[in-house]
Structure formats: C-alpha cells, structure tokens
Amino acid sequence: MKKYPTSKEQNVTEMKTVEEISDLKTGIEYKRRIASCKNVLPSIFRRIQVLNEKAVYLEEETWYDRRHKKLYVKSRSLTWNKYADSWEESEFSICPENEKWTQLKQSGGLHIKGFGILGGLVETFLQGFAKKGGMKAIQVMEELMMETVSD
C-alpha cells in the first residue's frame, strides 16, 4: 500500500486515502484512495479541450484479507468517466504450487465513447501505454519489496 508516490514512477504524483475501514470480525481491511497522475496523452490528442487536463485522477479500492492472505485491487478512471470507461482489477494471493510465491490474476478494459475514429486512436495509444505501465508497475513493486526486505 506504500507503492505510490515514489521517485521510481514519475507519472503518479499523489495518492490520498479518502476512506479506510477495518472489519475486526472478518479481518478484511478496505481502503479507497485517489491517485493524481500526469496526463500522458501526446499533444496531438490534447488539442481536444476535454483531453487537455493537467492531471488525471484514478480511484483505487483495495480489500486486504489478512486471514486468507489475499489482496483485491480495483481501480477506475475518474477524470474522463463521461467519455471513457477504464478499469483494472487485480487479485494477489498465495500461489497454490508454492506458498513462497505470489499469484497475480489481473483484468481490465478501456472503451472510449463518442469520439469516432479519433476515439479509436486514443484507445489504441492508451492500451499500449497501459501494457508498458503495467510492466513498469510490476518492476517498481519488485524494487520496493527488495528494499523493504533488505532494511
């Protein structure tokens, strides 16, 4: 939960926890956070006023089940939700084959509404960026975990 912000990832500028609930009966900890991120769209897309936002905001919800050692993360875009649906869901759990490993199940989607062919171009760019961003996020998480272990 301490992954962002970090100097290892310049696109996430702030992470603010807006809700936090711990259920002592079930052992599940819930957090809702808002991330402020740099707008990574190229300038050609930013010529469209609605896409020319300085910051992009994402909502992240997490449920951590301490008893079963599972973390479920759901995130979605808040900035352009009128024009686009984007989301990502991740589940981290102990790998059944080796309890020292973490198993990650992840899915997500992106759909631009009402921009015709331009929307398709923006969608294609963002899907490519998301793939690279996903790999970067895994790298950052691994580096932070290694730093934590060595401390």
Protein backbone atom coordinates (compact mmCIF):
# COMPACT_ATOMS: atom_id res chain seq x y z
CA MET A 1 0.00 0.00 0.00
CA LYS A 2 3.03 2.24 0.06
CA LYS A 3 3.90 1.84 -3.61
CA TYR A 4 2.89 5.36 -4.68
CA PRO A 5 4.05 8.04 -4.82
CA THR A 6 7.66 7.06 -5.42
CA SER A 7 10.60 8.55 -7.28
CA LYS A 8 10.68 5.32 -9.31
CA GLU A 9 7.42 6.25 -11.05
CA GLN A 10 7.12 9.87 -12.14
CA ASN A 11 3.58 9.67 -13.56
CA VAL A 12 1.88 9.19 -10.16
CA THR A 13 2.24 12.48 -8.31
CA GLU A 14 -0.01 11.96 -5.28
CA MET A 15 -2.01 9.24 -3.55
CA LYS A 16 -4.60 10.27 -0.97
CA THR A 17 -6.54 7.84 1.23
CA VAL A 18 -10.16 9.03 1.43
CA GLU A 19 -11.73 6.07 3.23
CA GLU A 20 -10.37 3.32 5.45
CA ILE A 21 -12.34 0.58 7.23
CA SER A 22 -11.09 -2.44 9.17
CA ASP A 23 -13.56 -5.21 9.93
CA LEU A 24 -12.23 -6.99 13.01
CA LYS A 25 -14.76 -9.81 12.63
CA THR A 26 -13.75 -10.79 9.08
CA GLY A 27 -10.18 -9.49 9.16
CA ILE A 28 -10.71 -7.53 5.95
CA GLU A 29 -9.18 -4.09 5.57
CA TYR A 30 -10.76 -1.77 2.99
CA LYS A 31 -9.16 1.38 1.58
CA ARG A 32 -10.32 3.82 -1.05
CA ARG A 33 -7.67 6.11 -2.44
CA ILE A 34 -7.49 8.78 -5.13
CA ALA A 35 -4.38 8.95 -7.28
CA SER A 36 -3.27 12.10 -9.08
CA CYS A 37 -1.33 11.27 -12.23
CA LYS A 38 0.30 13.19 -15.03
CA ASN A 39 -1.67 13.31 -18.26
CA VAL A 40 0.41 11.11 -20.58
CA LEU A 41 -1.59 11.77 -23.74
CA PRO A 42 0.53 13.14 -26.61
CA SER A 43 -0.02 16.79 -27.55
CA ILE A 44 -1.90 15.84 -30.72
CA PHE A 45 -4.70 14.34 -28.59
CA ARG A 46 -4.55 17.22 -26.11
CA ARG A 47 -5.67 19.59 -28.84
CA ILE A 48 -9.15 18.35 -27.96
CA GLN A 49 -10.07 20.51 -24.98
CA VAL A 50 -11.68 17.73 -22.93
CA LEU A 51 -8.45 15.67 -23.18
CA ASN A 52 -6.19 18.59 -22.25
CA GLU A 53 -6.26 18.03 -18.49
CA LYS A 54 -3.11 18.70 -16.50
CA ALA A 55 -3.81 15.83 -14.11
CA VAL A 56 -5.71 12.58 -14.41
CA TYR A 57 -7.45 11.15 -11.33
CA LEU A 58 -7.93 7.47 -10.59
CA GLU A 59 -9.89 5.81 -7.82
CA GLU A 60 -8.37 2.72 -6.27
CA GLU A 61 -10.23 0.42 -3.90
CA THR A 62 -8.48 -2.36 -2.03
CA TRP A 63 -9.67 -5.21 0.13
CA TYR A 64 -6.97 -6.99 2.10
CA ASP A 65 -7.97 -10.27 3.71
CA ARG A 66 -5.34 -10.91 6.38
CA ARG A 67 -6.68 -14.34 7.31
CA HIS A 68 -6.51 -15.75 3.79
CA LYS A 69 -3.58 -13.55 2.69
CA LYS A 70 -5.39 -12.13 -0.35
CA LEU A 71 -5.39 -8.62 -1.76
CA TYR A 72 -8.03 -7.49 -4.24
CA VAL A 73 -7.49 -4.17 -6.04
CA LYS A 74 -9.99 -2.40 -8.26
CA SER A 75 -9.22 0.89 -9.99
CA ARG A 76 -11.02 3.13 -12.42
CA SER A 77 -10.56 6.48 -14.10
CA LEU A 78 -12.42 9.45 -12.63
CA THR A 79 -11.24 12.20 -14.98
CA TRP A 80 -12.92 11.23 -18.23
CA ASN A 81 -15.63 8.85 -16.97
CA LYS A 82 -18.22 10.74 -19.03
CA TYR A 83 -16.26 9.93 -22.20
CA ALA A 84 -14.49 6.69 -21.39
CA ASP A 85 -14.78 3.59 -19.26
CA SER A 86 -11.46 2.29 -17.99
CA TRP A 87 -10.83 -0.13 -15.17
CA GLU A 88 -8.40 -2.66 -13.82
CA GLU A 89 -8.90 -5.46 -11.32
CA SER A 90 -6.09 -7.41 -9.66
CA GLU A 91 -6.05 -10.23 -7.16
CA PHE A 92 -2.89 -11.16 -5.28
CA SER A 93 -2.85 -14.45 -3.40
CA ILE A 94 -0.53 -17.23 -2.31
CA CYS A 95 0.39 -19.43 -5.25
CA PRO A 96 -1.08 -22.93 -4.81
CA GLU A 97 2.06 -24.56 -6.26
CA ASN A 98 4.48 -22.76 -3.96
CA GLU A 99 3.42 -20.77 -0.89
CA LYS A 100 6.55 -18.58 -1.16
CA TRP A 101 5.29 -17.21 -4.48
CA THR A 102 2.55 -14.67 -5.15
CA GLN A 103 -0.11 -15.40 -7.72
CA LEU A 104 -1.49 -12.43 -9.66
CA LYS A 105 -4.75 -12.51 -11.59
CA GLN A 106 -5.44 -9.32 -13.49
CA SER A 107 -8.00 -7.98 -15.93
CA GLY A 108 -9.03 -4.60 -17.22
CA GLY A 109 -10.61 -2.73 -20.01
CA LEU A 110 -10.88 0.54 -21.86
CA HIS A 111 -13.67 1.91 -24.00
CA ILE A 112 -13.77 5.42 -25.47
CA LYS A 113 -17.31 6.73 -26.11
CA GLY A 114 -18.42 9.21 -28.75
CA PHE A 115 -15.19 10.26 -30.46
CA GLY A 116 -15.45 8.11 -33.60
CA ILE A 117 -12.16 7.26 -35.29
CA LEU A 118 -10.24 9.64 -33.00
CA GLY A 119 -11.56 7.72 -30.02
CA GLY A 120 -10.18 4.55 -31.57
CA LEU A 121 -6.75 6.17 -31.92
CA VAL A 122 -6.78 7.37 -28.31
CA GLU A 123 -7.91 3.89 -27.20
CA THR A 124 -5.06 2.24 -29.14
CA PHE A 125 -2.48 4.63 -27.64
CA LEU A 126 -3.75 4.12 -24.09
CA GLN A 127 -3.85 0.32 -24.43
CA GLY A 128 -0.19 0.35 -25.47
CA PHE A 129 0.67 2.72 -22.63
CA ALA A 130 -1.23 0.52 -20.15
CA LYS A 131 0.79 -2.55 -21.17
CA LYS A 132 4.08 -0.68 -20.69
CA GLY A 133 2.75 0.91 -17.50
CA GLY A 134 1.74 -2.48 -16.13
CA MET A 135 5.24 -3.84 -16.64
CA LYS A 136 6.69 -0.69 -15.05
CA ALA A 137 4.33 -1.06 -12.07
CA ILE A 138 5.48 -4.64 -11.50
CA GLN A 139 9.13 -3.54 -11.71
CA VAL A 140 8.55 -0.72 -9.21
CA MET A 141 6.73 -3.08 -6.84
CA GLU A 142 9.55 -5.63 -7.01
CA GLU A 143 12.19 -2.95 -6.35
CA LEU A 144 10.27 -1.58 -3.36
CA MET A 145 9.78 -5.08 -1.96
CA MET A 146 13.51 -5.79 -2.27
CA GLU A 147 14.29 -2.52 -0.47
CA THR A 148 11.84 -3.45 2.32
CA VAL A 149 13.38 -6.92 2.72
CA SER A 150 16.92 -5.53 2.87
CA ASP A 151 16.01 -2.90 5.51
